[in-house]
Amino acid sequence: MKCAIAAVKFSDNLGDGIIFEALSRCLLHHRPDLEIVAIDLSGRTSLGGEHTQRRRRSTGVITMLPKPVRPLLPLIKFGVVDRARLLRHFREGVAGCDYAIVGGGHLLADANLNFPTKLSVLASAVCGLKLPFAFYAVGASQWSLAARRLLRSVFRQLDVRWLSVRDVDSQALVREGLSSSETVAVQVTYDPAIACSRFIPAERPRGTLRKRIGLNVIGTKWMMLDANSASARAFDLAAYGELVDRILAQGHDVALMSNGAEEDHEQMLQVTDVVAGQIESGRVTILPRARGPLELIQQISGLDGVVSHRLHATIVAYSYGVPAIGLEWDKKVPSFFAAVGRSQFSLAPAVQTPETIADALEIALSKPDDDTAKEARIDEILVHIGKMVAALEEPSSRPGVARA
């Protein structure tokens, strides 16, 4: 059997690649002989390179546009200019596949029509193939009228056998956006990255007397552009510097890091200038920019604590029993912490002061995650994926749709 996973595996935000790695291993748990291929929804075939530069240029243009016209750029770029290239990329990706899975990640989000446009092109590319599809552990945000039209068309064109989202907010949004006749039941499941620790060995901790806290830096300019929360705000360099000082004062060391995205790495380098003296003392180290998802997993699993805006840094930390503080900038961060019973360690923007973050970190370090509950969640993920695979491999029961 052969399966395509359509997501953003080659995004330089390596959290997306972590989702692919985790989902692949969960699928192989059920089907050890399954051949898995990646279809990047942006048409990328590898990490970095010209795709990163094109994304930077596009994002730079979007930031200069008035908010009401920003959706026109992805619509024109992916729906018109790059449409032929994407159609070819998608068709080549599903060639010989028995079924395809879209997910996980925030793929039903309407950030300037980005993913609705790409999914629309994907549906156009494969609609004649009668290929069984699943949407797995996807996140959603409020849909504009244009996004709703695009996504409703996607679900009408595809033979969707399974649809699960990663939180109840996404479930409500998808149910509101799609009629019951357009898709199957919308289920809620955990993000597959929670299962990383079941399949990927952890990095051994350093074994020093002081705990090492990973401060995962985000590019705040891009965070403000992507955030779907009106309360999102920038976390400036001075705040990062003060937070480092407070963590050091609590007797811990700090490891500056990023999720790999260019904008995150650049801001991390700016933070290093602010804390140059602490770096010279040896109490603050700089983790090398991870070259891939597995390397980022190793970095996080070897830490004693994590502070991050990036969702999947905190999910990986949870998987490996590393206490984490989530800095909210949209709904997906608090949704994850609520799902795993750690809501007190997800901090809203209004309370994200260095003092509050450092205090919350100290409490989190004294209250480690419940390992038994985590393992039960991983078991639940595997059961859920097993049911999804069974649904994909069944003969079609959808009127007018038959396997080729």
Protein backbone atom coordinates (compact mmCIF):
# COMPACT_ATOMS: atom_id res chain seq x y z
CA MET A 1 0.00 0.00 0.00
CA LYS A 2 1.10 3.55 -0.69
CA CYS A 3 -0.03 6.70 1.12
CA ALA A 4 0.56 10.39 0.43
CA ILE A 5 0.66 12.87 3.31
CA ALA A 6 -0.20 16.37 2.13
CA ALA A 7 0.96 19.08 4.52
CA VAL A 8 3.95 21.41 4.77
CA LYS A 9 6.75 18.96 5.56
CA PHE A 10 9.41 21.21 4.03
CA SER A 11 8.47 24.42 5.83
CA ASP A 12 11.50 25.98 7.50
CA ASN A 13 9.37 26.13 10.64
CA LEU A 14 10.39 22.61 11.61
CA GLY A 15 7.33 22.09 13.77
CA ASP A 16 5.49 21.23 10.56
CA GLY A 17 8.10 18.61 9.70
CA ILE A 18 7.77 17.15 13.20
CA ILE A 19 4.08 16.54 12.52
CA PHE A 20 5.00 14.61 9.37
CA GLU A 21 7.61 12.51 11.17
CA ALA A 22 5.22 11.65 13.99
CA LEU A 23 2.26 10.87 11.75
CA SER A 24 4.43 8.69 9.49
CA ARG A 25 5.63 6.61 12.44
CA CYS A 26 2.10 6.20 13.76
CA LEU A 27 0.95 4.97 10.34
CA LEU A 28 3.86 2.54 10.12
CA HIS A 29 2.91 1.22 13.55
CA HIS A 30 -0.28 -0.08 11.92
CA ARG A 31 1.07 -0.80 8.43
CA PRO A 32 4.82 -1.59 8.65
CA ASP A 33 5.02 -2.12 4.88
CA LEU A 34 3.23 1.13 4.00
CA GLU A 35 5.09 3.35 1.52
CA ILE A 36 4.68 6.99 2.55
CA VAL A 37 5.34 9.97 0.27
CA ALA A 38 5.24 13.65 1.18
CA ILE A 39 3.31 16.27 -0.77
CA ASP A 40 4.23 19.77 0.35
CA LEU A 41 1.22 22.04 -0.14
CA SER A 42 3.50 24.92 -1.16
CA GLY A 43 5.18 22.80 -3.84
CA ARG A 44 8.50 22.48 -2.00
CA THR A 45 10.62 19.36 -2.40
CA SER A 46 13.32 20.06 0.20
CA LEU A 47 14.13 22.30 3.15
CA GLY A 48 15.46 25.81 2.62
CA GLY A 49 16.86 27.12 -0.64
CA GLU A 50 14.92 29.26 -3.07
CA HIS A 51 11.58 28.39 -1.49
CA THR A 52 12.60 30.13 1.74
CA GLN A 53 13.66 33.23 -0.15
CA ARG A 54 10.41 33.31 -2.13
CA ARG A 55 8.43 33.01 1.07
CA ARG A 56 10.34 35.88 2.64
CA ARG A 57 9.63 38.09 -0.37
CA SER A 58 5.95 37.17 -0.41
CA THR A 59 5.54 37.74 3.32
CA GLY A 60 7.35 41.05 3.03
CA VAL A 61 4.88 42.16 0.37
CA ILE A 62 1.89 41.03 2.46
CA THR A 63 3.03 43.09 5.45
CA MET A 64 2.98 46.22 3.28
CA LEU A 65 -0.53 45.61 1.94
CA PRO A 66 -3.71 46.89 3.61
CA LYS A 67 -5.32 44.04 5.55
CA PRO A 68 -8.46 43.79 3.36
CA VAL A 69 -6.43 43.08 0.20
CA ARG A 70 -3.84 40.70 1.70
CA PRO A 71 -5.78 37.56 0.67
CA LEU A 72 -5.35 38.55 -2.97
CA LEU A 73 -1.63 37.73 -2.91
CA PRO A 74 -1.89 33.97 -2.07
CA LEU A 75 -4.94 33.73 -4.32
CA ILE A 76 -3.04 35.17 -7.28
CA LYS A 77 0.26 33.44 -6.51
CA PHE A 78 -0.97 29.90 -5.85
CA GLY A 79 -4.33 30.02 -7.60
CA VAL A 80 -3.10 31.63 -10.83
CA VAL A 81 0.66 32.20 -11.27
CA ASP A 82 1.87 28.93 -9.69
CA ARG A 83 -1.27 26.91 -10.37
CA ALA A 84 0.14 24.80 -13.23
CA ARG A 85 3.28 24.01 -11.22
CA LEU A 86 1.25 23.01 -8.16
CA LEU A 87 -1.16 20.88 -10.20
CA ARG A 88 1.78 18.96 -11.64
CA HIS A 89 3.43 18.66 -8.22
CA PHE A 90 0.26 17.29 -6.62
CA ARG A 91 -0.49 14.84 -9.43
CA GLU A 92 3.05 13.48 -9.35
CA GLY A 93 2.81 13.17 -5.57
CA VAL A 94 -0.31 11.00 -5.54
CA ALA A 95 0.76 8.82 -8.47
CA GLY A 96 0.31 5.19 -7.49
CA CYS A 97 -1.12 6.03 -4.07
CA ASP A 98 -3.96 4.05 -2.52
CA TYR A 99 -5.06 6.95 -0.34
CA ALA A 100 -3.98 10.37 0.92
CA ILE A 101 -4.01 12.18 4.25
CA VAL A 102 -4.09 15.95 4.73
CA GLY A 103 -2.50 16.82 8.05
CA GLY A 104 -1.75 17.56 10.63
CA GLY A 105 -1.16 21.22 11.30
CA HIS A 106 -3.20 24.40 11.05
CA LEU A 107 -4.32 23.54 7.52
CA LEU A 108 -7.97 24.60 7.76
CA ALA A 109 -6.92 28.06 8.88
CA ASP A 110 -7.78 31.14 6.86
CA ALA A 111 -4.60 33.21 7.07
CA ASN A 112 -5.04 35.44 4.02
CA LEU A 113 -6.60 32.52 2.06
CA ASN A 114 -3.23 30.73 2.09
CA PHE A 115 -4.25 27.13 2.84
CA PRO A 116 -7.77 27.37 1.39
CA THR A 117 -6.20 28.31 -1.95
CA LYS A 118 -3.61 25.52 -1.85
CA LEU A 119 -6.17 22.90 -0.82
CA SER A 120 -8.42 24.08 -3.64
CA VAL A 121 -5.63 23.46 -6.16
CA LEU A 122 -4.94 20.06 -4.58
CA ALA A 123 -8.60 19.09 -4.92
CA SER A 124 -8.61 20.17 -8.57
CA ALA A 125 -5.49 18.11 -9.21
CA VAL A 126 -6.84 14.84 -7.82
CA CYS A 127 -10.63 15.07 -8.09
CA GLY A 128 -10.76 12.79 -11.13
CA LEU A 129 -8.68 10.07 -9.47
CA LYS A 130 -11.34 9.03 -6.94
CA LEU A 131 -8.66 8.75 -4.29
CA PRO A 132 -9.80 8.21 -0.67
CA PHE A 133 -8.80 11.15 1.55
CA ALA A 134 -8.57 11.83 5.26
CA PHE A 135 -8.03 15.08 7.11
CA TYR A 136 -6.15 14.25 10.30
CA ALA A 137 -5.61 16.41 13.42
CA VAL A 138 -5.93 19.67 11.52
CA GLY A 139 -6.50 23.04 13.12
CA ALA A 140 -9.02 25.62 11.92
CA SER A 141 -9.55 29.33 12.35
CA GLN A 142 -12.48 31.57 11.48
CA TRP A 143 -13.20 31.37 7.74
CA SER A 144 -13.91 34.39 5.58
CA LEU A 145 -16.69 34.05 3.00
CA ALA A 146 -14.08 33.40 0.28
CA ALA A 147 -12.32 30.74 2.39
CA ARG A 148 -15.61 29.03 3.14
CA ARG A 149 -16.46 28.83 -0.56
CA LEU A 150 -13.04 27.40 -1.39
CA LEU A 151 -13.07 24.82 1.40
CA ARG A 152 -16.65 23.72 0.76
CA SER A 153 -15.63 23.09 -2.84
CA VAL A 154 -12.61 21.08 -1.63
CA PHE A 155 -14.79 18.77 0.46
CA ARG A 156 -17.32 18.35 -2.33
CA GLN A 157 -14.61 17.30 -4.79
CA LEU A 158 -12.72 14.86 -2.57
CA ASP A 159 -13.76 11.43 -1.30
CA VAL A 160 -13.21 12.34 2.35
CA ARG A 161 -13.48 9.23 4.54
CA TRP A 162 -12.18 10.73 7.80
CA LEU A 163 -12.07 14.20 9.29
CA SER A 164 -10.49 14.94 12.65
CA VAL A 165 -9.36 18.20 14.18
CA ARG A 166 -7.01 18.80 17.08
CA ASP A 167 -9.25 20.84 19.40
CA VAL A 168 -12.89 21.57 20.14
CA ASP A 169 -12.64 25.15 18.82
CA SER A 170 -11.59 23.80 15.42
CA GLN A 171 -14.40 21.25 15.57
CA ALA A 172 -16.98 24.01 16.10
CA LEU A 173 -15.55 26.12 13.28
CA VAL A 174 -15.52 23.25 10.78
CA ARG A 175 -19.04 22.20 11.72
CA GLU A 176 -20.16 25.78 11.22
CA GLY A 177 -18.36 26.10 7.88
CA LEU A 178 -19.39 22.79 6.30
CA SER A 179 -22.83 21.27 6.02
CA SER A 180 -23.32 17.68 7.18
CA SER A 181 -23.88 16.62 3.57
CA GLU A 182 -20.45 17.91 2.53
CA THR A 183 -18.32 15.80 4.83
CA VAL A 184 -18.16 13.02 7.39
CA ALA A 185 -18.45 13.54 11.15
CA VAL A 186 -15.88 15.96 12.59
CA GLN A 187 -13.92 14.21 15.35
CA VAL A 188 -11.40 15.60 17.84
CA THR A 189 -8.03 13.94 18.34
CA TYR A 190 -4.65 14.79 19.80
CA ASP A 191 -1.81 16.19 17.73
CA PRO A 192 0.35 13.27 16.50
CA ALA A 193 3.53 14.99 17.71
CA ILE A 194 2.56 13.91 21.23
CA ALA A 195 3.59 10.41 20.10
CA CYS A 196 7.17 11.39 19.19
CA SER A 197 8.63 9.89 22.36
CA ARG A 198 7.08 6.48 21.58
CA PHE A 199 9.12 6.16 18.38
CA ILE A 200 12.09 8.57 18.49
CA PRO A 201 14.77 8.14 21.21
CA ALA A 202 15.42 11.13 23.46
CA GLU A 203 18.67 13.04 23.74
CA ARG A 204 20.33 12.34 27.09
CA PRO A 205 20.25 15.34 29.48
CA ARG A 206 23.62 16.87 30.33
CA GLY A 207 23.51 15.68 33.94
CA THR A 208 24.70 19.01 35.37
CA LEU A 209 23.60 20.51 38.67
CA ARG A 210 21.80 23.44 37.00
CA LYS A 211 18.74 22.88 34.84
CA ARG A 212 19.00 24.02 31.22
CA ILE A 213 15.96 25.93 29.98
CA GLY A 214 15.32 26.23 26.26
CA LEU A 215 14.13 29.72 25.32
CA ASN A 216 12.56 29.20 21.90
CA VAL A 217 12.65 32.58 20.16
CA ILE A 218 10.00 33.56 17.61
CA GLY A 219 10.15 36.24 14.92
CA THR A 220 7.60 38.62 16.39
CA LYS A 221 6.95 40.53 13.14
CA TRP A 222 5.75 37.36 11.44
CA MET A 223 3.91 36.21 14.55
CA MET A 224 1.83 39.37 14.46
CA LEU A 225 1.05 38.79 10.78
CA ASP A 226 -0.01 35.15 11.25
CA ALA A 227 -1.84 35.45 14.57
CA ASN A 228 -5.60 34.87 14.49
CA SER A 229 -6.05 36.52 17.89
CA ALA A 230 -6.68 40.23 18.27
CA SER A 231 -4.72 40.16 21.54
CA ALA A 232 -1.47 38.90 19.99
CA ARG A 233 1.41 41.26 20.65
CA ALA A 234 5.12 41.44 20.02
CA PHE A 235 7.55 40.07 22.59
CA ASP A 236 10.42 42.49 22.10
CA LEU A 237 14.18 42.07 22.53
CA ALA A 238 14.23 43.82 25.89
CA ALA A 239 11.64 41.37 27.21
CA TYR A 240 13.72 38.41 26.02
CA GLY A 241 16.77 39.90 27.72
CA GLU A 242 14.96 40.41 31.02
CA LEU A 243 13.50 36.91 30.86
CA VAL A 244 16.97 35.43 30.41
CA ASP A 245 18.18 37.36 33.46
CA ARG A 246 15.28 36.14 35.60
CA ILE A 247 15.79 32.49 34.60
CA LEU A 248 19.50 32.79 35.41
CA ALA A 249 18.65 34.38 38.77
CA GLN A 250 16.55 31.32 39.60
CA GLY A 251 19.67 29.21 39.28
CA HIS A 252 19.12 27.74 35.82
CA ASP A 253 21.09 27.96 32.59
CA VAL A 254 19.50 29.15 29.34
CA ALA A 255 19.80 27.67 25.85
CA LEU A 256 18.66 30.06 23.11
CA MET A 257 17.05 28.23 20.20
CA SER A 258 14.48 28.49 17.43
CA ASN A 259 12.13 26.23 15.48
CA GLY A 260 14.26 26.78 12.39
CA ALA A 261 12.20 29.41 10.57
CA GLU A 262 14.39 32.14 9.09
CA GLU A 263 12.53 34.92 10.91
CA ASP A 264 12.85 33.07 14.24
CA HIS A 265 16.56 32.43 13.76
CA GLU A 266 17.20 36.08 12.89
CA GLN A 267 15.41 37.28 16.02
CA MET A 268 17.31 34.73 18.11
CA LEU A 269 20.59 36.21 16.83
CA GLN A 270 19.35 39.66 17.85
CA VAL A 271 18.61 38.30 21.33
CA THR A 272 22.18 36.99 21.55
CA ASP A 273 23.41 40.57 21.13
CA VAL A 274 21.23 41.66 24.06
CA VAL A 275 22.58 38.90 26.35
CA ALA A 276 26.19 38.89 25.11
CA GLY A 277 27.55 39.26 28.64
CA GLN A 278 25.62 36.26 29.91
CA ILE A 279 26.86 34.21 26.96
CA GLU A 280 30.46 35.09 27.84
CA SER A 281 29.85 33.85 31.39
CA GLY A 282 28.90 30.42 30.04
CA ARG A 283 25.43 30.47 31.62
CA VAL A 284 23.72 31.11 28.27
CA THR A 285 24.41 28.92 25.24
CA ILE A 286 23.19 29.11 21.66
CA LEU A 287 21.83 25.92 20.15
CA PRO A 288 22.72 25.51 16.47
CA ARG A 289 19.90 26.04 14.01
CA ALA A 290 18.33 22.59 13.62
CA ARG A 291 18.83 21.15 10.13
CA GLY A 292 15.67 19.08 10.22
CA PRO A 293 12.73 17.97 12.39
CA LEU A 294 14.57 15.07 14.02
CA GLU A 295 17.41 17.35 15.10
CA LEU A 296 14.94 19.79 16.66
CA ILE A 297 13.29 16.90 18.52
CA GLN A 298 16.69 15.87 19.87
CA GLN A 299 17.43 19.42 21.03
CA ILE A 300 14.13 19.77 22.89
CA SER A 301 14.20 16.29 24.44
CA GLY A 302 17.61 17.04 25.98
CA LEU A 303 16.40 20.13 27.85
CA ASP A 304 15.05 20.44 31.39
CA GLY A 305 12.40 23.05 30.52
CA VAL A 306 11.08 25.03 27.54
CA VAL A 307 9.53 28.46 27.07
CA SER A 308 8.00 28.98 23.64
CA HIS A 309 5.42 30.73 21.48
CA ARG A 310 5.80 27.95 18.89
CA LEU A 311 3.21 25.25 19.49
CA HIS A 312 5.22 22.21 18.47
CA ALA A 313 8.18 23.07 20.65
CA THR A 314 5.81 22.72 23.61
CA ILE A 315 4.15 19.58 22.20
CA VAL A 316 7.51 17.84 21.74
CA ALA A 317 8.51 18.97 25.23
CA TYR A 318 5.32 17.42 26.61
CA SER A 319 6.00 14.18 24.73
CA TYR A 320 9.42 13.81 26.38
CA GLY A 321 8.34 14.92 29.85
CA VAL A 322 10.04 18.31 29.63
CA PRO A 323 8.02 20.98 31.51
CA ALA A 324 6.98 23.77 29.15
CA ILE A 325 5.52 27.25 29.30
CA GLY A 326 3.37 28.15 26.29
CA LEU A 327 3.22 31.82 25.32
CA GLU A 328 -0.14 32.35 23.68
CA TRP A 329 -0.45 34.30 20.44
CA ASP A 330 -3.43 32.49 18.94
CA LYS A 331 -5.96 29.89 20.04
CA LYS A 332 -3.97 26.77 19.23
CA VAL A 333 -1.48 27.20 22.11
CA PRO A 334 -4.06 27.36 24.94
CA SER A 335 -6.12 24.65 23.22
CA PHE A 336 -3.22 22.21 23.39
CA PHE A 337 -2.38 22.96 27.02
CA ALA A 338 -6.05 22.55 27.97
CA ALA A 339 -6.22 19.21 26.14
CA VAL A 340 -3.34 17.79 28.19
CA GLY A 341 -4.39 19.28 31.53
CA ARG A 342 -1.66 21.94 31.74
CA SER A 343 -3.72 25.12 31.21
CA GLN A 344 -2.01 26.95 34.07
CA PHE A 345 1.22 26.91 32.06
CA SER A 346 -0.28 28.55 28.97
CA LEU A 347 0.08 32.30 29.45
CA ALA A 348 -2.18 34.83 27.76
CA PRO A 349 -0.53 37.84 26.07
CA ALA A 350 -1.78 40.22 28.77
CA VAL A 351 0.27 38.43 31.45
CA GLN A 352 3.39 37.65 29.41
CA THR A 353 5.84 39.66 31.47
CA PRO A 354 9.33 38.27 32.12
CA GLU A 355 8.51 38.05 35.83
CA THR A 356 5.27 36.13 35.30
CA ILE A 357 6.86 33.75 32.78
CA ALA A 358 9.82 33.01 35.06
CA ASP A 359 7.50 32.39 38.02
CA ALA A 360 5.29 30.05 35.96
CA LEU A 361 8.38 28.19 34.77
CA GLU A 362 9.50 27.58 38.35
CA ILE A 363 6.09 26.10 39.20
CA ALA A 364 6.10 23.95 36.05
CA LEU A 365 9.53 22.56 36.92
CA SER A 366 8.17 21.46 40.29
CA LYS A 367 5.07 19.85 38.75
CA PRO A 368 6.17 17.46 35.99
CA ASP A 369 3.69 16.01 33.53
CA ASP A 370 1.77 12.84 34.41
CA ASP A 371 3.63 10.22 32.39
CA THR A 372 0.84 7.65 32.71
CA ALA A 373 -1.71 10.10 31.29
CA LYS A 374 0.65 10.99 28.45
CA GLU A 375 1.16 7.35 27.49
CA ALA A 376 -2.61 6.86 27.52
CA ARG A 377 -2.97 9.79 25.13
CA ILE A 378 -0.39 8.25 22.80
CA ASP A 379 -2.33 4.98 22.90
CA GLU A 380 -5.47 6.94 22.02
CA ILE A 381 -3.68 8.58 19.07
CA LEU A 382 -2.67 5.17 17.74
CA VAL A 383 -6.20 3.79 18.09
CA HIS A 384 -7.59 6.83 16.28
CA ILE A 385 -5.09 6.48 13.44
CA GLY A 386 -5.84 2.78 13.15
CA LYS A 387 -9.53 3.56 12.65
CA MET A 388 -8.64 6.21 10.07
CA VAL A 389 -6.52 3.74 8.10
CA ALA A 390 -9.36 1.21 8.17
CA ALA A 391 -11.77 3.83 6.82
CA LEU A 392 -9.35 4.75 4.03
CA GLU A 393 -8.87 1.14 3.01
CA GLU A 394 -12.58 0.28 2.88
CA PRO A 395 -14.43 0.28 -0.48
CA SER A 396 -16.20 3.59 -1.01
CA SER A 397 -19.70 3.98 0.37
CA ARG A 398 -20.05 7.56 -0.82
CA PRO A 399 -22.63 7.95 -3.62
CA GLY A 400 -21.02 8.57 -6.98
CA VAL A 401 -17.50 7.80 -5.78
CA ALA A 402 -15.69 4.57 -6.59
CA ARG A 403 -12.09 3.46 -6.38
CA ALA A 404 -10.21 3.70 -9.66
